[in-house]
């Protein structure tokens, strides 16, 4: 099995400028446990999850 076989497309992301509270609201509304943090240029800069 390869990552492409199980990965999610159309990923929900947040920006580095977004507050943690707002990011948590996003994943709470979408029933997900975390989100990638993506810079305006589309570059992945990190991840936020429920454990943060």
N, C-alpha and C. Protein backbone atom coordinates (compact mmCIF):
# COMPACT_ATOMS: atom_id res chain seq x y z
N UNK A 1 0.85 -1.17 0.00
CA UNK A 1 0.00 0.00 0.00
C UNK A 1 0.90 1.24 0.00
N UNK A 2 0.48 2.25 -0.73
CA UNK A 2 1.22 3.50 -0.81
C UNK A 2 0.39 4.62 -0.20
N UNK A 3 1.07 5.69 0.18
CA UNK A 3 0.38 6.84 0.78
C UNK A 3 -0.76 7.33 -0.10
N UNK A 4 -0.55 7.36 -1.39
CA UNK A 4 -1.58 7.85 -2.31
C UNK A 4 -2.86 7.01 -2.25
N UNK A 5 -2.73 5.77 -1.81
CA UNK A 5 -3.90 4.89 -1.71
C UNK A 5 -4.84 5.27 -0.57
N UNK A 6 -4.32 5.97 0.44
CA UNK A 6 -5.16 6.30 1.59
C UNK A 6 -5.19 7.78 1.94
N UNK A 7 -4.41 8.60 1.23
CA UNK A 7 -4.32 10.03 1.59
C UNK A 7 -5.61 10.78 1.29
N UNK A 8 -5.75 11.90 1.95
CA UNK A 8 -6.90 12.77 1.77
C UNK A 8 -6.54 13.88 0.80
N UNK A 9 -7.45 14.19 -0.10
CA UNK A 9 -7.26 15.34 -0.98
C UNK A 9 -8.23 16.43 -0.57
N UNK A 10 -8.02 17.63 -1.05
CA UNK A 10 -8.88 18.74 -0.64
C UNK A 10 -8.70 19.02 0.84
N UNK A 11 -7.47 19.05 1.29
CA UNK A 11 -7.15 19.17 2.72
C UNK A 11 -7.53 20.55 3.26
N UNK A 12 -8.09 20.56 4.45
CA UNK A 12 -8.42 21.79 5.15
C UNK A 12 -7.15 22.27 5.84
N UNK A 13 -6.80 23.54 5.64
CA UNK A 13 -5.58 24.09 6.21
C UNK A 13 -5.89 25.37 6.98
N UNK A 14 -4.91 25.80 7.77
CA UNK A 14 -4.97 27.09 8.45
C UNK A 14 -3.68 27.84 8.13
N UNK A 15 -3.66 29.13 8.43
CA UNK A 15 -2.48 29.95 8.18
C UNK A 15 -1.72 30.18 9.49
N UNK A 16 -0.45 30.55 9.39
CA UNK A 16 0.32 30.83 10.61
C UNK A 16 -0.25 31.99 11.42
N UNK A 17 -0.96 32.91 10.79
CA UNK A 17 -1.52 34.06 11.49
C UNK A 17 -2.82 33.74 12.24
N UNK A 18 -3.42 32.59 11.96
CA UNK A 18 -4.68 32.23 12.60
C UNK A 18 -4.44 31.87 14.06
N UNK A 19 -5.34 32.29 14.92
CA UNK A 19 -5.20 31.94 16.34
C UNK A 19 -5.44 30.44 16.53
N UNK A 20 -4.87 29.90 17.60
CA UNK A 20 -5.07 28.49 17.92
C UNK A 20 -6.54 28.22 18.20
N UNK A 21 -7.20 29.16 18.85
CA UNK A 21 -8.62 29.01 19.15
C UNK A 21 -9.44 28.86 17.87
N UNK A 22 -9.15 29.71 16.88
CA UNK A 22 -9.88 29.64 15.62
C UNK A 22 -9.55 28.34 14.87
N UNK A 23 -8.29 27.94 14.89
CA UNK A 23 -7.90 26.69 14.25
C UNK A 23 -8.62 25.51 14.90
N UNK A 24 -8.71 25.51 16.22
CA UNK A 24 -9.42 24.44 16.93
C UNK A 24 -10.89 24.42 16.56
N UNK A 25 -11.47 25.59 16.35
CA UNK A 25 -12.86 25.65 15.91
C UNK A 25 -13.02 25.01 14.54
N UNK A 26 -12.06 25.26 13.65
CA UNK A 26 -12.09 24.66 12.30
C UNK A 26 -12.10 23.15 12.40
N UNK A 27 -11.15 22.58 13.17
CA UNK A 27 -11.13 21.11 13.21
C UNK A 27 -12.29 20.54 14.00
N UNK A 28 -12.80 21.28 14.94
CA UNK A 28 -14.00 20.83 15.66
C UNK A 28 -15.22 20.77 14.76
N UNK A 29 -15.39 21.80 13.93
CA UNK A 29 -16.52 21.84 13.00
C UNK A 29 -16.41 20.79 11.92
N UNK A 30 -15.19 20.44 11.55
CA UNK A 30 -14.96 19.47 10.47
C UNK A 30 -14.76 18.04 10.98
N UNK A 31 -14.79 17.88 12.31
CA UNK A 31 -14.61 16.55 12.93
C UNK A 31 -13.29 15.91 12.52
N UNK A 32 -12.24 16.71 12.59
CA UNK A 32 -10.88 16.22 12.33
C UNK A 32 -10.04 16.51 13.56
N UNK A 33 -8.90 15.87 13.69
CA UNK A 33 -8.09 16.01 14.90
C UNK A 33 -6.92 16.97 14.76
N UNK A 34 -6.74 17.53 13.60
CA UNK A 34 -5.65 18.47 13.39
C UNK A 34 -5.66 19.02 11.98
N UNK A 35 -4.79 20.01 11.77
CA UNK A 35 -4.72 20.66 10.46
C UNK A 35 -3.29 21.03 10.12
N UNK A 36 -2.94 21.00 8.82
CA UNK A 36 -1.65 21.52 8.39
C UNK A 36 -1.70 23.05 8.44
N UNK A 37 -0.56 23.65 8.79
CA UNK A 37 -0.42 25.10 8.77
C UNK A 37 0.35 25.44 7.49
N UNK A 38 -0.29 26.25 6.64
CA UNK A 38 0.28 26.53 5.32
C UNK A 38 0.43 28.02 5.14
N UNK A 39 1.63 28.44 4.73
CA UNK A 39 1.94 29.83 4.47
C UNK A 39 1.17 30.30 3.23
N UNK A 40 0.99 31.61 3.07
CA UNK A 40 0.25 32.16 1.93
C UNK A 40 0.77 31.65 0.58
N UNK A 41 2.05 31.36 0.49
CA UNK A 41 2.64 30.87 -0.75
C UNK A 41 2.36 29.39 -0.98
N UNK A 42 1.60 28.76 -0.07
CA UNK A 42 1.27 27.35 -0.21
C UNK A 42 2.31 26.41 0.37
N UNK A 43 3.25 26.95 1.14
CA UNK A 43 4.31 26.13 1.73
C UNK A 43 3.88 25.63 3.10
N UNK A 44 4.01 24.34 3.32
CA UNK A 44 3.70 23.74 4.61
C UNK A 44 4.73 24.20 5.63
N UNK A 45 4.26 24.78 6.74
CA UNK A 45 5.20 25.24 7.78
C UNK A 45 5.03 24.49 9.08
N UNK A 46 3.99 23.65 9.19
CA UNK A 46 3.81 22.87 10.41
C UNK A 46 2.44 22.23 10.49
N UNK A 47 2.17 21.68 11.65
CA UNK A 47 0.89 21.01 11.92
C UNK A 47 0.39 21.45 13.29
N UNK A 48 -0.92 21.52 13.42
CA UNK A 48 -1.57 21.73 14.71
C UNK A 48 -2.51 20.55 14.94
N UNK A 49 -2.54 20.06 16.17
CA UNK A 49 -3.44 18.95 16.47
C UNK A 49 -4.09 19.17 17.83
N UNK A 50 -5.03 18.34 18.16
CA UNK A 50 -5.73 18.43 19.44
C UNK A 50 -4.77 18.39 20.62
N UNK A 51 -3.66 17.70 20.50
CA UNK A 51 -2.72 17.58 21.61
C UNK A 51 -1.94 18.86 21.86
N UNK A 52 -1.95 19.79 20.92
CA UNK A 52 -1.27 21.06 21.14
C UNK A 52 -2.09 21.90 22.08
